[in-house]
C-alpha cells in the first residue's frame, strides 16, 4: 500500500517584512564589518567586534525567521517537521495512537512558547494560532501539532473515522 499524502500544511513563523528586514540588516552589517576591517588595515578593533557580533545575530535572525513547520496526514499517520532544525519527519502512526482530535490550545500556558516544546500538556509543535491536532499515544504521552486548517483536518479525521 502506497503511503499517500492526504493533507499537507506549511506554516511560517513570521511575516515577509520581518524576513526581509533581517536579510537587509545582515547585508548592511557584513558590508560595515568588512569596510571597518579594511579601514582599520585588518586590525580587529572593538567596533569590528560589535559589527561582527551584530552580523552573526542578524544572520541567526534569518535562520529563525525562515523556520517553517510542515505537517502531513498520510494513510499511515501524521508526520511533522521543523526545517532546518529538524530535517526529517517525526511520525505518529495511527497504530500507535489511542486518540486523535482537534482542540483549542494556549501556546504560552500549555507549551511555554512556540517551536518544538515540552510543556505541562506534553510535547507541542506550535507555530501560530490556537487550534491543533491533539494526539494521545497508546503509552498516554500527548503530542499537539498546531494547524491553521483545523476544519479541513477535522474532516479528514472524521472521514478516516479517527476523530474522537
C-alpha atoms as a PDB file:
ATOM      1  CA  UNK A   1       0.000   0.000   0.000  1.00  0.00           C
ATOM      2  CA  UNK A   2       1.386   3.411  -1.019  1.00  0.00           C
ATOM      3  CA  UNK A   3       1.801   5.999   1.716  1.00  0.00           C
ATOM      4  CA  UNK A   4      -0.297   8.686   0.046  1.00  0.00           C
ATOM      5  CA  UNK A   5      -0.302  12.224   1.442  1.00  0.00           C
ATOM      6  CA  UNK A   6      -3.937  13.106   2.202  1.00  0.00           C
ATOM      7  CA  UNK A   7      -3.239  16.585   3.595  1.00  0.00           C
ATOM      8  CA  UNK A   8      -0.235  18.902   3.798  1.00  0.00           C
ATOM      9  CA  UNK A   9       0.145  22.233   5.553  1.00  0.00           C
ATOM     10  CA  UNK A  10       3.173  24.510   5.734  1.00  0.00           C
ATOM     11  CA  UNK A  11       3.160  27.212   8.371  1.00  0.00           C
ATOM     12  CA  UNK A  12       5.724  30.005   8.513  1.00  0.00           C
ATOM     13  CA  UNK A  13       6.671  31.613  11.761  1.00  0.00           C
ATOM     14  CA  UNK A  14       6.992  35.220  10.577  1.00  0.00           C
ATOM     15  CA  UNK A  15       5.795  37.823   8.136  1.00  0.00           C
ATOM     16  CA  UNK A  16       7.724  38.530   4.938  1.00  0.00           C
ATOM     17  CA  UNK A  17       8.698  42.061   6.002  1.00  0.00           C
ATOM     18  CA  UNK A  18      10.496  40.679   9.083  1.00  0.00           C
ATOM     19  CA  UNK A  19      12.423  38.161   6.960  1.00  0.00           C
ATOM     20  CA  UNK A  20      13.323  40.938   4.500  1.00  0.00           C
ATOM     21  CA  UNK A  21      14.424  43.189   7.372  1.00  0.00           C
ATOM     22  CA  UNK A  22      16.867  40.559   8.657  1.00  0.00           C
ATOM     23  CA  UNK A  23      18.222  39.938   5.146  1.00  0.00           C
ATOM     24  CA  UNK A  24      18.857  43.652   4.572  1.00  0.00           C
ATOM     25  CA  UNK A  25      20.368  44.139   8.038  1.00  0.00           C
ATOM     26  CA  UNK A  26      22.665  41.147   7.580  1.00  0.00           C
ATOM     27  CA  UNK A  27      23.923  42.528   4.273  1.00  0.00           C
ATOM     28  CA  UNK A  28      24.450  46.025   5.707  1.00  0.00           C
ATOM     29  CA  UNK A  29      26.243  44.690   8.799  1.00  0.00           C
ATOM     30  CA  UNK A  30      28.501  42.436   6.706  1.00  0.00           C
ATOM     31  CA  UNK A  31      29.433  45.369   4.468  1.00  0.00           C
ATOM     32  CA  UNK A  32      30.080  47.586   7.521  1.00  0.00           C
ATOM     33  CA  UNK A  33      32.180  44.853   9.143  1.00  0.00           C
ATOM     34  CA  UNK A  34      34.341  44.363   6.029  1.00  0.00           C
ATOM     35  CA  UNK A  35      34.629  48.123   5.436  1.00  0.00           C
ATOM     36  CA  UNK A  36      35.698  48.609   9.068  1.00  0.00           C
ATOM     37  CA  UNK A  37      38.368  45.925   8.785  1.00  0.00           C
ATOM     38  CA  UNK A  38      39.728  47.484   5.574  1.00  0.00           C
ATOM     39  CA  UNK A  39      39.661  50.960   7.140  1.00  0.00           C
ATOM     40  CA  UNK A  40      41.493  49.636  10.233  1.00  0.00           C
ATOM     41  CA  UNK A  41      44.091  47.924   7.973  1.00  0.00           C
ATOM     42  CA  UNK A  42      42.784  44.465   9.006  1.00  0.00           C
ATOM     43  CA  UNK A  43      43.235  45.150  12.722  1.00  0.00           C
ATOM     44  CA  UNK A  44      40.338  43.787  14.742  1.00  0.00           C
ATOM     45  CA  UNK A  45      39.031  46.640  16.945  1.00  0.00           C
ATOM     46  CA  UNK A  46      36.166  46.983  19.429  1.00  0.00           C
ATOM     47  CA  UNK A  47      33.970  48.333  16.627  1.00  0.00           C
ATOM     48  CA  UNK A  48      34.882  45.293  14.500  1.00  0.00           C
ATOM     49  CA  UNK A  49      33.766  43.069  17.376  1.00  0.00           C
ATOM     50  CA  UNK A  50      30.436  44.879  17.731  1.00  0.00           C
ATOM     51  CA  UNK A  51      29.791  44.777  13.972  1.00  0.00           C
ATOM     52  CA  UNK A  52      30.819  41.103  13.753  1.00  0.00           C
ATOM     53  CA  UNK A  53      28.557  40.162  16.660  1.00  0.00           C
ATOM     54  CA  UNK A  54      25.644  42.134  15.210  1.00  0.00           C
ATOM     55  CA  UNK A  55      26.202  40.409  11.848  1.00  0.00           C
ATOM     56  CA  UNK A  56      26.091  36.945  13.475  1.00  0.00           C
ATOM     57  CA  UNK A  57      22.923  37.804  15.437  1.00  0.00           C
ATOM     58  CA  UNK A  58      21.278  39.141  12.286  1.00  0.00           C
ATOM     59  CA  UNK A  59      22.314  36.039  10.300  1.00  0.00           C
ATOM     60  CA  UNK A  60      20.766  33.857  13.019  1.00  0.00           C
ATOM     61  CA  UNK A  61      17.643  36.001  12.674  1.00  0.00           C
ATOM     62  CA  UNK A  62      17.447  34.929   9.022  1.00  0.00           C
ATOM     63  CA  UNK A  63      17.568  31.268  10.042  1.00  0.00           C
ATOM     64  CA  UNK A  64      14.932  31.688  12.749  1.00  0.00           C
ATOM     65  CA  UNK A  65      12.562  33.749  10.585  1.00  0.00           C
ATOM     66  CA  UNK A  66      12.817  31.223   7.749  1.00  0.00           C
ATOM     67  CA  UNK A  67      11.749  28.364  10.003  1.00  0.00           C
ATOM     68  CA  UNK A  68       8.659  26.565   8.755  1.00  0.00           C
ATOM     69  CA  UNK A  69       6.583  23.708  10.120  1.00  0.00           C
ATOM     70  CA  UNK A  70       5.383  21.099   7.652  1.00  0.00           C
ATOM     71  CA  UNK A  71       2.526  18.800   8.680  1.00  0.00           C
ATOM     72  CA  UNK A  72       1.312  15.882   6.593  1.00  0.00           C
ATOM     73  CA  UNK A  73      -1.548  13.483   7.168  1.00  0.00           C
ATOM     74  CA  UNK A  74      -0.767  10.254   5.357  1.00  0.00           C
ATOM     75  CA  UNK A  75      -2.510   6.915   5.097  1.00  0.00           C
ATOM     76  CA  UNK A  76      -0.420   5.519   7.967  1.00  0.00           C
ATOM     77  CA  UNK A  77      -0.282   8.529  10.311  1.00  0.00           C
ATOM     78  CA  UNK A  78       0.623  12.150  10.939  1.00  0.00           C
ATOM     79  CA  UNK A  79       4.062  13.480  10.036  1.00  0.00           C
ATOM     80  CA  UNK A  80       5.598  16.771  11.198  1.00  0.00           C
ATOM     81  CA  UNK A  81       8.948  18.526  10.805  1.00  0.00           C
ATOM     82  CA  UNK A  82      10.589  21.891  11.505  1.00  0.00           C
ATOM     83  CA  UNK A  83      13.248  22.503   8.851  1.00  0.00           C
ATOM     84  CA  UNK A  84      16.101  23.483   9.139  1.00  0.00           C
ATOM     85  CA  UNK A  85      16.243  22.374  12.794  1.00  0.00           C
ATOM     86  CA  UNK A  86      14.512  19.049  12.221  1.00  0.00           C
ATOM     87  CA  UNK A  87      15.430  17.810   8.722  1.00  0.00           C
ATOM     88  CA  UNK A  88      13.460  14.560   8.893  1.00  0.00           C
ATOM     89  CA  UNK A  89       9.828  13.949   9.718  1.00  0.00           C
ATOM     90  CA  UNK A  90       8.689  12.883  13.180  1.00  0.00           C
ATOM     91  CA  UNK A  91       5.952  10.363  12.503  1.00  0.00           C
ATOM     92  CA  UNK A  92       2.999   9.441  14.632  1.00  0.00           C
ATOM     93  CA  UNK A  93       1.416   6.288  13.257  1.00  0.00           C
ATOM     94  CA  UNK A  94      -2.304   5.560  13.594  1.00  0.00           C
ATOM     95  CA  UNK A  95      -1.498   2.177  15.131  1.00  0.00           C
ATOM     96  CA  UNK A  96       0.396   3.915  17.967  1.00  0.00           C
ATOM     97  CA  UNK A  97      -2.442   6.352  18.746  1.00  0.00           C
ATOM     98  CA  UNK A  98      -5.164   5.880  21.315  1.00  0.00           C
ATOM     99  CA  UNK A  99      -6.961   9.087  20.372  1.00  0.00           C
ATOM    100  CA  UNK A 100      -6.644  11.970  17.857  1.00  0.00           C
ATOM    101  CA  UNK A 101      -8.834  15.076  17.655  1.00  0.00           C
ATOM    102  CA  UNK A 102      -8.845  18.837  17.067  1.00  0.00           C
ATOM    103  CA  UNK A 103      -8.721  21.134  20.085  1.00  0.00           C
ATOM    104  CA  UNK A 104      -8.083  24.725  21.125  1.00  0.00           C
ATOM    105  CA  UNK A 105      -4.813  25.383  22.987  1.00  0.00           C
ATOM    106  CA  UNK A 106      -2.777  28.221  24.511  1.00  0.00           C
ATOM    107  CA  UNK A 107       0.861  28.175  23.400  1.00  0.00           C
ATOM    108  CA  UNK A 108       2.189  30.145  26.365  1.00  0.00           C
ATOM    109  CA  UNK A 109       0.401  28.436  29.240  1.00  0.00           C
ATOM    110  CA  UNK A 110       0.442  24.882  27.860  1.00  0.00           C
ATOM    111  CA  UNK A 111       3.743  24.735  25.930  1.00  0.00           C
ATOM    112  CA  UNK A 112       5.650  27.758  27.267  1.00  0.00           C
ATOM    113  CA  UNK A 113       6.039  29.285  23.805  1.00  0.00           C
ATOM    114  CA  UNK A 114       6.382  28.407  20.156  1.00  0.00           C
ATOM    115  CA  UNK A 115       8.502  25.862  18.292  1.00  0.00           C
ATOM    116  CA  UNK A 116       9.093  22.269  19.341  1.00  0.00           C
ATOM    117  CA  UNK A 117       8.190  22.470  23.008  1.00  0.00           C
ATOM    118  CA  UNK A 118       7.687  20.298  26.059  1.00  0.00           C
ATOM    119  CA  UNK A 119       5.093  21.633  28.477  1.00  0.00           C
ATOM    120  CA  UNK A 120       2.533  20.617  31.062  1.00  0.00           C
ATOM    121  CA  UNK A 121       0.303  19.209  28.291  1.00  0.00           C
ATOM    122  CA  UNK A 122       3.056  17.126  26.649  1.00  0.00           C
ATOM    123  CA  UNK A 123       5.050  17.762  23.503  1.00  0.00           C
ATOM    124  CA  UNK A 124       3.926  20.547  21.228  1.00  0.00           C
ATOM    125  CA  UNK A 125       4.761  21.545  17.669  1.00  0.00           C
ATOM    126  CA  UNK A 126       3.491  25.108  17.759  1.00  0.00           C
ATOM    127  CA  UNK A 127       3.926  27.930  15.246  1.00  0.00           C
ATOM    128  CA  UNK A 128       0.876  30.177  15.415  1.00  0.00           C
ATOM    129  CA  UNK A 129      -2.792  30.245  16.226  1.00  0.00           C
ATOM    130  CA  UNK A 130      -4.715  28.380  18.888  1.00  0.00           C
ATOM    131  CA  UNK A 131      -6.039  25.238  17.158  1.00  0.00           C
ATOM    132  CA  UNK A 132      -4.191  21.953  16.960  1.00  0.00           C
ATOM    133  CA  UNK A 133      -4.274  18.242  16.317  1.00  0.00           C
ATOM    134  CA  UNK A 134      -4.174  16.539  19.719  1.00  0.00           C
ATOM    135  CA  UNK A 135      -2.640  13.071  19.648  1.00  0.00           C
ATOM    136  CA  UNK A 136      -2.810  10.736  22.641  1.00  0.00           C
ATOM    137  CA  UNK A 137      -0.452   7.810  22.146  1.00  0.00           C
ATOM    138  CA  UNK A 138      -1.051   4.317  23.495  1.00  0.00           C
ATOM    139  CA  UNK A 139       1.541   4.984  26.232  1.00  0.00           C
ATOM    140  CA  UNK A 140      -0.602   8.038  27.243  1.00  0.00           C
ATOM    141  CA  UNK A 141       2.024  10.535  26.009  1.00  0.00           C
ATOM    142  CA  UNK A 142       0.414  13.598  24.448  1.00  0.00           C
ATOM    143  CA  UNK A 143       1.501  15.479  21.339  1.00  0.00           C
ATOM    144  CA  UNK A 144      -0.125  18.587  19.909  1.00  0.00           C
ATOM    145  CA  UNK A 145       0.542  19.789  16.358  1.00  0.00           C
ATOM    146  CA  UNK A 146      -0.716  23.293  15.622  1.00  0.00           C
ATOM    147  CA  UNK A 147      -2.784  23.832  12.486  1.00  0.00           C
ATOM    148  CA  UNK A 148      -4.274  26.808  10.682  1.00  0.00           C
ATOM    149  CA  UNK A 149      -6.670  24.479   8.853  1.00  0.00           C
ATOM    150  CA  UNK A 150      -8.481  22.776  11.723  1.00  0.00           C
ATOM    151  CA  UNK A 151     -11.769  22.315   9.835  1.00  0.00           C
ATOM    152  CA  UNK A 152     -10.043  20.552   6.942  1.00  0.00           C
ATOM    153  CA  UNK A 153      -8.040  18.314   9.311  1.00  0.00           C
ATOM    154  CA  UNK A 154     -11.176  17.522  11.323  1.00  0.00           C
ATOM    155  CA  UNK A 155     -12.995  16.487   8.132  1.00  0.00           C
ATOM    156  CA  UNK A 156     -10.120  14.166   7.172  1.00  0.00           C
ATOM    157  CA  UNK A 157     -10.026  12.604  10.653  1.00  0.00           C
ATOM    158  CA  UNK A 158     -13.799  12.075  10.570  1.00  0.00           C
ATOM    159  CA  UNK A 159     -13.622  10.569   7.082  1.00  0.00           C
ATOM    160  CA  UNK A 160     -10.973   8.152   8.366  1.00  0.00           C
ATOM    161  CA  UNK A 161     -13.143   7.516  11.451  1.00  0.00           C
ATOM    162  CA  UNK A 162     -10.270   8.633  13.701  1.00  0.00           C
ATOM    163  CA  UNK A 163     -11.719  11.743  15.341  1.00  0.00           C
ATOM    164  CA  UNK A 164     -12.630  11.371  18.985  1.00  0.00           C
END
